[in-house]
Amino acid sequence: MGAFIEVTTAGLFHAAVLFLVAAGLQLVFGVQRILNLACGSFYALGAYCGVTAGSTALGLGVPPLLALPVLLLAGGAIAVLGPPVERVLRLVQDRDESLQLLLTFALVLMLQDAVRMVWGSSPRQVDGIYLAYGQVQALGARVPVWNLLVLLAALVVALGLGAFLKRTNFGRLLRATAENRRMAASLGVDTGRVYAVVFSLGVALGGMGGALVVPSSAATPEMAVELVVEAFAVVVIGGLGSMGGALAGAVIVGLLRAVALVVWPELELMAVYAVVVAVLLLRPAGLFGKPAA
């Protein structure tokens, strides 16, 4: 029982991080119809900003128990990159998907080099935070409290995002723009501003996901490419453009990886790809996606 709980919580921890990144990807695609490979780079930038902010805060005497808000703010701060990057991507907004993938992958490579220039190529991590929160022992299992806090943070972000989209005036404008951009523009909606805010929000979500992992694992320049593969697996499984699908896909991928690491580590990624292939064969639109008309 203890092993089952430990594997499940480890899988849900990874799923929480994946959801934040995939939610940003889904949000951008749902409104702007842009397949954004650069979401992995924002995840990596958030991780490195989290390393810098966390280490600086600890050096200034901030208690490790206050690290969570520091890391969330550090990851969310990279939203400042949203408007300029969105202006570049707007050039391919209505173009073929292959052009979008090429441009966003070019951004991945450029931002990866920028990370190396600023932080170097060596892995970096925030020490003194992960263990400071201790562990919870129950039914023979030891679960790091940090993992539970990340799960809670992801849940709060998901609920806040849902409330923002459904209960605010800007959320209604955003949904109207996603439904019919030309009609929204003809009614006076500043679609350019909507796009800038949406993309910045997607950047912030990816950055927060990256910042939350650095207490438990090291940040590396290659983490951008590794994460984007999993993020696309999430949206393929859940359905492109569906926020509920992003949550379901993240849970499936997170739990699959956790189980595979325990049962047969060599099949860790193969298990995820097997599910992706099965979903594409049986339900090409994804579990929660809408089939093309």
C-alpha atoms as a PDB file:
ATOM      1  CA  MET A   1       0.000   0.000   0.000  1.00  0.00           C
ATOM      2  CA  GLY A   2       2.814   2.365   0.879  1.00  0.00           C
ATOM      3  CA  ALA A   3       4.548   1.810  -2.461  1.00  0.00           C
ATOM      4  CA  PHE A   4       1.276   2.427  -4.311  1.00  0.00           C
ATOM      5  CA  ILE A   5       0.746   5.758  -2.539  1.00  0.00           C
ATOM      6  CA  GLU A   6       4.326   6.857  -3.183  1.00  0.00           C
ATOM      7  CA  VAL A   7       4.145   6.015  -6.900  1.00  0.00           C
ATOM      8  CA  THR A   8       0.757   7.695  -7.258  1.00  0.00           C
ATOM      9  CA  THR A   9       1.828  10.917  -5.574  1.00  0.00           C
ATOM     10  CA  ALA A  10       5.036  11.014  -7.614  1.00  0.00           C
ATOM     11  CA  GLY A  11       2.985  10.601 -10.788  1.00  0.00           C
ATOM     12  CA  LEU A  12       0.528  13.307  -9.762  1.00  0.00           C
ATOM     13  CA  PHE A  13       3.413  15.663  -8.934  1.00  0.00           C
ATOM     14  CA  HIS A  14       4.734  15.290 -12.475  1.00  0.00           C
ATOM     15  CA  ALA A  15       1.177  15.581 -13.799  1.00  0.00           C
ATOM     16  CA  ALA A  16       0.684  18.888 -11.967  1.00  0.00           C
ATOM     17  CA  VAL A  17       3.762  20.395 -13.626  1.00  0.00           C
ATOM     18  CA  LEU A  18       2.766  18.991 -17.014  1.00  0.00           C
ATOM     19  CA  PHE A  19      -0.723  20.424 -16.642  1.00  0.00           C
ATOM     20  CA  LEU A  20       0.576  23.948 -16.091  1.00  0.00           C
ATOM     21  CA  VAL A  21       2.649  23.802 -19.280  1.00  0.00           C
ATOM     22  CA  ALA A  22      -0.049  22.041 -21.313  1.00  0.00           C
ATOM     23  CA  ALA A  23      -2.693  24.490 -20.079  1.00  0.00           C
ATOM     24  CA  GLY A  24      -0.651  27.353 -21.497  1.00  0.00           C
ATOM     25  CA  LEU A  25      -0.274  25.461 -24.771  1.00  0.00           C
ATOM     26  CA  GLN A  26      -4.005  24.763 -24.923  1.00  0.00           C
ATOM     27  CA  LEU A  27      -4.907  28.347 -24.088  1.00  0.00           C
ATOM     28  CA  VAL A  28      -2.745  29.791 -26.873  1.00  0.00           C
ATOM     29  CA  PHE A  29      -4.009  27.287 -29.408  1.00  0.00           C
ATOM     30  CA  GLY A  30      -7.630  27.696 -28.351  1.00  0.00           C
ATOM     31  CA  VAL A  31      -7.577  31.466 -28.897  1.00  0.00           C
ATOM     32  CA  GLN A  32      -4.861  32.082 -31.487  1.00  0.00           C
ATOM     33  CA  ARG A  33      -4.709  28.711 -33.263  1.00  0.00           C
ATOM     34  CA  ILE A  34      -0.917  28.647 -32.912  1.00  0.00           C
ATOM     35  CA  LEU A  35       0.921  25.391 -32.192  1.00  0.00           C
ATOM     36  CA  ASN A  36       3.519  26.728 -29.793  1.00  0.00           C
ATOM     37  CA  LEU A  37       6.561  24.466 -29.433  1.00  0.00           C
ATOM     38  CA  ALA A  38       8.261  27.237 -27.468  1.00  0.00           C
ATOM     39  CA  CYS A  39       6.177  26.336 -24.397  1.00  0.00           C
ATOM     40  CA  GLY A  40       9.039  24.055 -23.381  1.00  0.00           C
ATOM     41  CA  SER A  41      11.478  26.974 -23.477  1.00  0.00           C
ATOM     42  CA  PHE A  42       9.276  29.036 -21.173  1.00  0.00           C
ATOM     43  CA  TYR A  43       9.253  26.057 -18.812  1.00  0.00           C
ATOM     44  CA  ALA A  44      13.070  25.997 -18.859  1.00  0.00           C
ATOM     45  CA  LEU A  45      13.319  29.774 -18.399  1.00  0.00           C
ATOM     46  CA  GLY A  46      10.942  29.539 -15.444  1.00  0.00           C
ATOM     47  CA  ALA A  47      13.123  26.821 -13.928  1.00  0.00           C
ATOM     48  CA  TYR A  48      16.296  28.903 -14.217  1.00  0.00           C
ATOM     49  CA  CYS A  49      14.568  32.038 -12.934  1.00  0.00           C
ATOM     50  CA  GLY A  50      13.321  29.927 -10.040  1.00  0.00           C
ATOM     51  CA  VAL A  51      16.894  28.787  -9.319  1.00  0.00           C
ATOM     52  CA  THR A  52      18.128  32.372  -9.294  1.00  0.00           C
ATOM     53  CA  ALA A  53      15.239  33.743  -7.238  1.00  0.00           C
ATOM     54  CA  GLY A  54      15.225  30.834  -4.785  1.00  0.00           C
ATOM     55  CA  SER A  55      18.979  30.937  -4.202  1.00  0.00           C
ATOM     56  CA  THR A  56      18.922  34.720  -3.804  1.00  0.00           C
ATOM     57  CA  ALA A  57      16.018  34.567  -1.352  1.00  0.00           C
ATOM     58  CA  LEU A  58      17.740  31.917   0.756  1.00  0.00           C
ATOM     59  CA  GLY A  59      20.951  33.942   0.675  1.00  0.00           C
ATOM     60  CA  LEU A  60      19.063  36.971   2.001  1.00  0.00           C
ATOM     61  CA  GLY A  61      17.736  34.953   4.916  1.00  0.00           C
ATOM     62  CA  VAL A  62      14.222  34.181   3.660  1.00  0.00           C
ATOM     63  CA  PRO A  63      13.017  30.999   5.409  1.00  0.00           C
ATOM     64  CA  PRO A  64      12.856  27.965   3.087  1.00  0.00           C
ATOM     65  CA  LEU A  65       9.211  27.505   4.074  1.00  0.00           C
ATOM     66  CA  LEU A  66       8.396  30.719   2.149  1.00  0.00           C
ATOM     67  CA  ALA A  67      10.004  29.415  -1.019  1.00  0.00           C
ATOM     68  CA  LEU A  68       6.754  28.434  -2.748  1.00  0.00           C
ATOM     69  CA  PRO A  69       5.453  31.987  -3.365  1.00  0.00           C
ATOM     70  CA  VAL A  70       8.973  33.126  -4.305  1.00  0.00           C
ATOM     71  CA  LEU A  71       9.260  30.429  -6.955  1.00  0.00           C
ATOM     72  CA  LEU A  72       5.745  31.039  -8.285  1.00  0.00           C
ATOM     73  CA  LEU A  73       6.459  34.758  -8.656  1.00  0.00           C
ATOM     74  CA  ALA A  74       9.810  34.067 -10.312  1.00  0.00           C
ATOM     75  CA  GLY A  75       8.266  31.662 -12.806  1.00  0.00           C
ATOM     76  CA  GLY A  76       5.302  33.915 -13.503  1.00  0.00           C
ATOM     77  CA  ALA A  77       7.574  36.922 -14.029  1.00  0.00           C
ATOM     78  CA  ILE A  78       8.718  35.620 -17.411  1.00  0.00           C
ATOM     79  CA  ALA A  79       5.289  36.638 -18.691  1.00  0.00           C
ATOM     80  CA  VAL A  80       7.067  39.881 -19.679  1.00  0.00           C
ATOM     81  CA  LEU A  81       8.365  37.926 -22.675  1.00  0.00           C
ATOM     82  CA  GLY A  82       4.822  37.240 -23.811  1.00  0.00           C
ATOM     83  CA  PRO A  83       3.963  40.422 -25.774  1.00  0.00           C
ATOM     84  CA  PRO A  84       7.172  40.630 -27.879  1.00  0.00           C
ATOM     85  CA  VAL A  85       7.172  36.911 -28.671  1.00  0.00           C
ATOM     86  CA  GLU A  86       3.465  37.012 -29.496  1.00  0.00           C
ATOM     87  CA  ARG A  87       4.063  39.862 -31.946  1.00  0.00           C
ATOM     88  CA  VAL A  88       6.551  37.655 -33.785  1.00  0.00           C
ATOM     89  CA  LEU A  89       4.254  34.636 -33.807  1.00  0.00           C
ATOM     90  CA  ARG A  90       1.356  36.732 -35.066  1.00  0.00           C
ATOM     91  CA  LEU A  91       3.137  36.713 -38.440  1.00  0.00           C
ATOM     92  CA  VAL A  92       2.267  33.017 -38.843  1.00  0.00           C
ATOM     93  CA  GLN A  93      -1.060  33.013 -37.019  1.00  0.00           C
ATOM     94  CA  ASP A  94      -3.136  32.335 -40.121  1.00  0.00           C
ATOM     95  CA  ARG A  95      -0.450  30.452 -42.001  1.00  0.00           C
ATOM     96  CA  ASP A  96       0.128  26.742 -42.437  1.00  0.00           C
ATOM     97  CA  GLU A  97       0.822  24.774 -39.247  1.00  0.00           C
ATOM     98  CA  SER A  98       4.213  23.715 -40.591  1.00  0.00           C
ATOM     99  CA  LEU A  99       5.365  27.353 -40.589  1.00  0.00           C
ATOM    100  CA  GLN A 100       4.150  27.765 -37.016  1.00  0.00           C
ATOM    101  CA  LEU A 101       6.072  24.685 -35.922  1.00  0.00           C
ATOM    102  CA  LEU A 102       9.230  25.827 -37.701  1.00  0.00           C
ATOM    103  CA  LEU A 103       9.131  29.318 -36.189  1.00  0.00           C
ATOM    104  CA  THR A 104       8.331  28.152 -32.666  1.00  0.00           C
ATOM    105  CA  PHE A 105      11.029  25.463 -32.853  1.00  0.00           C
ATOM    106  CA  ALA A 106      13.469  28.166 -33.933  1.00  0.00           C
ATOM    107  CA  LEU A 107      12.464  30.048 -30.789  1.00  0.00           C
ATOM    108  CA  VAL A 108      13.204  26.914 -28.755  1.00  0.00           C
ATOM    109  CA  LEU A 109      16.733  26.763 -30.127  1.00  0.00           C
ATOM    110  CA  MET A 110      17.366  30.485 -29.642  1.00  0.00           C
ATOM    111  CA  LEU A 111      16.045  30.513 -26.084  1.00  0.00           C
ATOM    112  CA  GLN A 112      18.052  27.388 -25.300  1.00  0.00           C
ATOM    113  CA  ASP A 113      21.218  29.210 -26.379  1.00  0.00           C
ATOM    114  CA  ALA A 114      20.140  32.254 -24.362  1.00  0.00           C
ATOM    115  CA  VAL A 115      19.851  30.036 -21.270  1.00  0.00           C
ATOM    116  CA  ARG A 116      23.369  28.716 -21.846  1.00  0.00           C
ATOM    117  CA  MET A 117      24.723  32.249 -22.222  1.00  0.00           C
ATOM    118  CA  VAL A 118      23.150  33.476 -18.974  1.00  0.00           C
ATOM    119  CA  TRP A 119      23.306  30.435 -16.691  1.00  0.00           C
ATOM    120  CA  GLY A 120      25.809  28.124 -18.379  1.00  0.00           C
ATOM    121  CA  SER A 121      25.414  24.493 -19.409  1.00  0.00           C
ATOM    122  CA  SER A 122      25.843  22.859 -15.985  1.00  0.00           C
ATOM    123  CA  PRO A 123      22.735  21.619 -14.142  1.00  0.00           C
ATOM    124  CA  ARG A 124      21.523  24.015 -11.467  1.00  0.00           C
ATOM    125  CA  GLN A 125      19.220  23.446  -8.522  1.00  0.00           C
ATOM    126  CA  VAL A 126      17.919  25.219  -5.426  1.00  0.00           C
ATOM    127  CA  ASP A 127      19.264  23.464  -2.350  1.00  0.00           C
ATOM    128  CA  GLY A 128      17.672  23.594   1.083  1.00  0.00           C
ATOM    129  CA  ILE A 129      14.012  23.841   0.061  1.00  0.00           C
ATOM    130  CA  TYR A 130      12.829  20.341  -0.835  1.00  0.00           C
ATOM    131  CA  LEU A 131      13.869  18.713   2.431  1.00  0.00           C
ATOM    132  CA  ALA A 132      12.900  21.727   4.554  1.00  0.00           C
ATOM    133  CA  TYR A 133       9.230  20.859   4.159  1.00  0.00           C
ATOM    134  CA  GLY A 134       9.731  17.338   5.427  1.00  0.00           C
ATOM    135  CA  GLN A 135       7.620  14.292   4.666  1.00  0.00           C
ATOM    136  CA  VAL A 136       4.183  12.972   5.495  1.00  0.00           C
ATOM    137  CA  GLN A 137       4.057   9.363   6.672  1.00  0.00           C
ATOM    138  CA  ALA A 138       0.823   7.430   6.210  1.00  0.00           C
ATOM    139  CA  LEU A 139      -0.011   3.769   5.586  1.00  0.00           C
ATOM    140  CA  GLY A 140       3.649   2.915   5.253  1.00  0.00           C
ATOM    141  CA  ALA A 141       4.288   5.600   2.647  1.00  0.00           C
ATOM    142  CA  ARG A 142       6.573   8.630   2.851  1.00  0.00           C
ATOM    143  CA  VAL A 143       5.376  11.491   0.696  1.00  0.00           C
ATOM    144  CA  PRO A 144       7.400  14.720   0.407  1.00  0.00           C
ATOM    145  CA  VAL A 145       5.339  17.696   1.536  1.00  0.00           C
ATOM    146  CA  TRP A 146       6.750  19.720  -1.374  1.00  0.00           C
ATOM    147  CA  ASN A 147       5.041  17.362  -3.843  1.00  0.00           C
ATOM    148  CA  LEU A 148       1.723  17.910  -2.091  1.00  0.00           C
ATOM    149  CA  LEU A 149       2.199  21.685  -2.145  1.00  0.00           C
ATOM    150  CA  VAL A 150       2.892  21.625  -5.877  1.00  0.00           C
ATOM    151  CA  LEU A 151      -0.292  19.611  -6.399  1.00  0.00           C
ATOM    152  CA  LEU A 152      -2.213  22.181  -4.364  1.00  0.00           C
ATOM    153  CA  ALA A 153      -0.624  25.083  -6.245  1.00  0.00           C
ATOM    154  CA  ALA A 154      -1.530  23.528  -9.614  1.00  0.00           C
ATOM    155  CA  LEU A 155      -5.100  22.981  -8.425  1.00  0.00           C
ATOM    156  CA  VAL A 156      -5.398  26.606  -7.269  1.00  0.00           C
ATOM    157  CA  VAL A 157      -3.999  27.848 -10.581  1.00  0.00           C
ATOM    158  CA  ALA A 158      -6.428  25.633 -12.515  1.00  0.00           C
ATOM    159  CA  LEU A 159      -9.415  26.868 -10.521  1.00  0.00           C
ATOM    160  CA  GLY A 160      -8.260  30.469 -10.827  1.00  0.00           C
ATOM    161  CA  LEU A 161      -7.804  30.106 -14.576  1.00  0.00           C
ATOM    162  CA  GLY A 162     -11.263  28.599 -14.914  1.00  0.00           C
ATOM    163  CA  ALA A 163     -12.811  31.428 -12.895  1.00  0.00           C
ATOM    164  CA  PHE A 164     -10.905  34.006 -14.944  1.00  0.00           C
ATOM    165  CA  LEU A 165     -12.155  32.557 -18.234  1.00  0.00           C
ATOM    166  CA  LYS A 166     -15.765  32.112 -17.162  1.00  0.00           C
ATOM    167  CA  ARG A 167     -16.545  34.886 -14.671  1.00  0.00           C
ATOM    168  CA  THR A 168     -14.644  37.972 -15.796  1.00  0.00           C
ATOM    169  CA  ASN A 169     -15.447  40.387 -18.586  1.00  0.00           C
ATOM    170  CA  PHE A 170     -12.038  39.863 -20.150  1.00  0.00           C
ATOM    171  CA  GLY A 171     -12.570  36.113 -20.020  1.00  0.00           C
ATOM    172  CA  ARG A 172     -15.795  36.548 -21.962  1.00  0.00           C
ATOM    173  CA  LEU A 173     -13.999  38.689 -24.537  1.00  0.00           C
ATOM    174  CA  LEU A 174     -11.311  36.035 -24.759  1.00  0.00           C
ATOM    175  CA  ARG A 175     -13.857  33.288 -25.381  1.00  0.00           C
ATOM    176  CA  ALA A 176     -15.665  35.414 -27.934  1.00  0.00           C
ATOM    177  CA  THR A 177     -12.386  36.031 -29.778  1.00  0.00           C
ATOM    178  CA  ALA A 178     -11.616  32.320 -29.734  1.00  0.00           C
ATOM    179  CA  GLU A 179     -15.066  31.529 -31.137  1.00  0.00           C
ATOM    180  CA  ASN A 180     -15.112  34.117 -33.919  1.00  0.00           C
ATOM    181  CA  ARG A 181     -12.225  36.550 -34.189  1.00  0.00           C
ATOM    182  CA  ARG A 182     -13.674  38.653 -37.007  1.00  0.00           C
ATOM    183  CA  MET A 183     -17.031  39.056 -35.349  1.00  0.00           C
ATOM    184  CA  ALA A 184     -15.374  40.023 -32.061  1.00  0.00           C
ATOM    185  CA  ALA A 185     -13.201  42.611 -33.843  1.00  0.00           C
ATOM    186  CA  SER A 186     -16.221  44.062 -35.644  1.00  0.00           C
ATOM    187  CA  LEU A 187     -17.921  44.514 -32.259  1.00  0.00           C
ATOM    188  CA  GLY A 188     -14.995  46.573 -30.986  1.00  0.00           C
ATOM    189  CA  VAL A 189     -12.907  43.942 -29.194  1.00  0.00           C
ATOM    190  CA  ASP A 190      -9.192  44.758 -29.258  1.00  0.00           C
ATOM    191  CA  THR A 191      -8.097  41.327 -30.485  1.00  0.00           C
ATOM    192  CA  GLY A 192      -4.426  42.342 -30.459  1.00  0.00           C
ATOM    193  CA  ARG A 193      -4.623  43.045 -26.737  1.00  0.00           C
ATOM    194  CA  VAL A 194      -6.487  39.779 -26.163  1.00  0.00           C
ATOM    195  CA  TYR A 195      -3.784  37.839 -27.975  1.00  0.00           C
ATOM    196  CA  ALA A 196      -1.002  39.542 -26.025  1.00  0.00           C
ATOM    197  CA  VAL A 197      -2.668  38.769 -22.682  1.00  0.00           C
ATOM    198  CA  VAL A 198      -3.457  35.172 -23.638  1.00  0.00           C
ATOM    199  CA  PHE A 199       0.071  34.468 -24.801  1.00  0.00           C
ATOM    200  CA  SER A 200       1.548  36.132 -21.709  1.00  0.00           C
ATOM    201  CA  LEU A 201      -0.696  33.993 -19.530  1.00  0.00           C
ATOM    202  CA  GLY A 202       0.484  30.886 -21.367  1.00  0.00           C
ATOM    203  CA  VAL A 203       4.112  31.951 -20.832  1.00  0.00           C
ATOM    204  CA  ALA A 204       3.460  32.523 -17.113  1.00  0.00           C
ATOM    205  CA  LEU A 205       1.872  29.081 -16.698  1.00  0.00           C
ATOM    206  CA  GLY A 206       4.856  27.390 -18.330  1.00  0.00           C
ATOM    207  CA  GLY A 207       7.283  29.451 -16.249  1.00  0.00           C
ATOM    208  CA  MET A 208       5.544  28.573 -12.997  1.00  0.00           C
ATOM    209  CA  GLY A 209       5.634  24.890 -13.919  1.00  0.00           C
ATOM    210  CA  GLY A 210       9.389  25.105 -14.429  1.00  0.00           C
ATOM    211  CA  ALA A 211      10.015  27.046 -11.235  1.00  0.00           C
ATOM    212  CA  LEU A 212       8.174  24.462  -9.146  1.00  0.00           C
ATOM    213  CA  VAL A 213      10.446  21.570 -10.140  1.00  0.00           C
ATOM    214  CA  VAL A 214      13.857  23.058  -9.286  1.00  0.00           C
ATOM    215  CA  PRO A 215      13.732  22.210  -5.554  1.00  0.00           C
ATOM    216  CA  SER A 216      13.384  18.516  -6.479  1.00  0.00           C
ATOM    217  CA  SER A 217      15.320  18.235  -9.765  1.00  0.00           C
ATOM    218  CA  ALA A 218      18.026  20.192 -11.539  1.00  0.00           C
ATOM    219  CA  ALA A 219      17.420  22.691 -14.326  1.00  0.00           C
ATOM    220  CA  THR A 220      19.253  21.955 -17.585  1.00  0.00           C
ATOM    221  CA  PRO A 221      19.163  23.654 -21.009  1.00  0.00           C
ATOM    222  CA  GLU A 222      17.865  20.411 -22.555  1.00  0.00           C
ATOM    223  CA  MET A 223      14.784  20.303 -20.335  1.00  0.00           C
ATOM    224  CA  ALA A 224      12.891  22.479 -22.827  1.00  0.00           C
ATOM    225  CA  VAL A 225      12.943  19.848 -25.577  1.00  0.00           C
ATOM    226  CA  GLU A 226      12.244  17.004 -23.149  1.00  0.00           C
ATOM    227  CA  LEU A 227       9.203  18.765 -21.717  1.00  0.00           C
ATOM    228  CA  VAL A 228       7.675  19.879 -25.002  1.00  0.00           C
ATOM    229  CA  VAL A 229       7.496  16.253 -26.167  1.00  0.00           C
ATOM    230  CA  GLU A 230       5.513  15.325 -23.066  1.00  0.00           C
ATOM    231  CA  ALA A 231       3.325  18.435 -23.333  1.00  0.00           C
ATOM    232  CA  PHE A 232       2.303  17.506 -26.866  1.00  0.00           C
ATOM    233  CA  ALA A 233       1.631  13.946 -25.733  1.00  0.00           C
ATOM    234  CA  VAL A 234      -0.700  15.440 -23.118  1.00  0.00           C
ATOM    235  CA  VAL A 235      -2.661  17.521 -25.625  1.00  0.00           C
ATOM    236  CA  VAL A 236      -2.859  14.666 -28.124  1.00  0.00           C
ATOM    237  CA  ILE A 237      -4.306  12.380 -25.474  1.00  0.00           C
ATOM    238  CA  GLY A 238      -6.643  14.958 -23.978  1.00  0.00           C
ATOM    239  CA  GLY A 239      -7.609  16.750 -27.184  1.00  0.00           C
ATOM    240  CA  LEU A 240      -6.120  19.893 -28.691  1.00  0.00           C
ATOM    241  CA  GLY A 241      -7.898  22.997 -27.409  1.00  0.00           C
ATOM    242  CA  SER A 242      -9.588  21.300 -24.418  1.00  0.00           C
ATOM    243  CA  MET A 243      -8.557  22.461 -20.945  1.00  0.00           C
ATOM    244  CA  GLY A 244     -10.257  19.448 -19.366  1.00  0.00           C
ATOM    245  CA  GLY A 245      -8.345  17.303 -21.813  1.00  0.00           C
ATOM    246  CA  ALA A 246      -5.096  18.913 -20.680  1.00  0.00           C
ATOM    247  CA  LEU A 247      -5.855  17.896 -17.096  1.00  0.00           C
ATOM    248  CA  ALA A 248      -6.838  14.343 -18.029  1.00  0.00           C
ATOM    249  CA  GLY A 249      -3.868  13.928 -20.370  1.00  0.00           C
ATOM    250  CA  ALA A 250      -1.436  15.246 -17.759  1.00  0.00           C
ATOM    251  CA  VAL A 251      -2.724  12.793 -15.138  1.00  0.00           C
ATOM    252  CA  ILE A 252      -2.472   9.880 -17.593  1.00  0.00           C
ATOM    253  CA  VAL A 253       1.072  10.758 -18.677  1.00  0.00           C
ATOM    254  CA  GLY A 254       2.236  11.502 -15.138  1.00  0.00           C
ATOM    255  CA  LEU A 255       0.920   8.246 -13.691  1.00  0.00           C
ATOM    256  CA  LEU A 256       2.169   6.189 -16.650  1.00  0.00           C
ATOM    257  CA  ARG A 257       5.695   7.527 -16.257  1.00  0.00           C
ATOM    258  CA  ALA A 258       5.690   6.960 -12.501  1.00  0.00           C
ATOM    259  CA  VAL A 259       4.532   3.351 -12.850  1.00  0.00           C
ATOM    260  CA  ALA A 260       6.950   2.647 -15.708  1.00  0.00           C
ATOM    261  CA  LEU A 261       9.894   3.996 -13.694  1.00  0.00           C
ATOM    262  CA  VAL A 262       9.127   1.477 -10.966  1.00  0.00           C
ATOM    263  CA  VAL A 263       8.103  -1.532 -13.074  1.00  0.00           C
ATOM    264  CA  TRP A 264      10.318  -1.214 -16.164  1.00  0.00           C
ATOM    265  CA  PRO A 265      12.320   2.047 -16.456  1.00  0.00           C
ATOM    266  CA  GLU A 266      13.407   1.337 -20.035  1.00  0.00           C
ATOM    267  CA  LEU A 267       9.773   1.583 -21.167  1.00  0.00           C
ATOM    268  CA  GLU A 268       9.132   4.940 -19.495  1.00  0.00           C
ATOM    269  CA  LEU A 269       8.630   6.968 -22.689  1.00  0.00           C
ATOM    270  CA  MET A 270       7.455   4.021 -24.784  1.00  0.00           C
ATOM    271  CA  ALA A 271       4.458   3.562 -22.493  1.00  0.00           C
ATOM    272  CA  VAL A 272       3.446   7.186 -23.060  1.00  0.00           C
ATOM    273  CA  TYR A 273       3.859   6.910 -26.828  1.00  0.00           C
ATOM    274  CA  ALA A 274       1.851   3.683 -26.868  1.00  0.00           C
ATOM    275  CA  VAL A 275      -1.086   5.519 -25.291  1.00  0.00           C
ATOM    276  CA  VAL A 276      -0.668   8.392 -27.771  1.00  0.00           C
ATOM    277  CA  VAL A 277      -0.779   5.966 -30.706  1.00  0.00           C
ATOM    278  CA  ALA A 278      -3.808   4.185 -29.268  1.00  0.00           C
ATOM    279  CA  VAL A 279      -5.676   7.478 -28.826  1.00  0.00           C
ATOM    280  CA  LEU A 280      -4.809   8.605 -32.365  1.00  0.00           C
ATOM    281  CA  LEU A 281      -6.085   5.318 -33.771  1.00  0.00           C
ATOM    282  CA  LEU A 282      -9.268   5.071 -31.720  1.00  0.00           C
ATOM    283  CA  ARG A 283     -10.138   8.739 -31.157  1.00  0.00           C
ATOM    284  CA  PRO A 284      -8.026  11.039 -33.359  1.00  0.00           C
ATOM    285  CA  ALA A 285      -9.499  14.208 -31.792  1.00  0.00           C
ATOM    286  CA  GLY A 286      -8.402  13.136 -28.316  1.00  0.00           C
ATOM    287  CA  LEU A 287     -10.409  12.047 -25.293  1.00  0.00           C
ATOM    288  CA  PHE A 288     -12.050  15.464 -24.844  1.00  0.00           C
ATOM    289  CA  GLY A 289     -11.429  17.021 -28.252  1.00  0.00           C
ATOM    290  CA  LYS A 290     -14.112  17.802 -30.801  1.00  0.00           C
ATOM    291  CA  PRO A 291     -13.864  15.994 -34.150  1.00  0.00           C
ATOM    292  CA  ALA A 292     -13.275  18.291 -37.116  1.00  0.00           C
ATOM    293  CA  ALA A 293     -16.450  19.154 -38.947  1.00  0.00           C
END
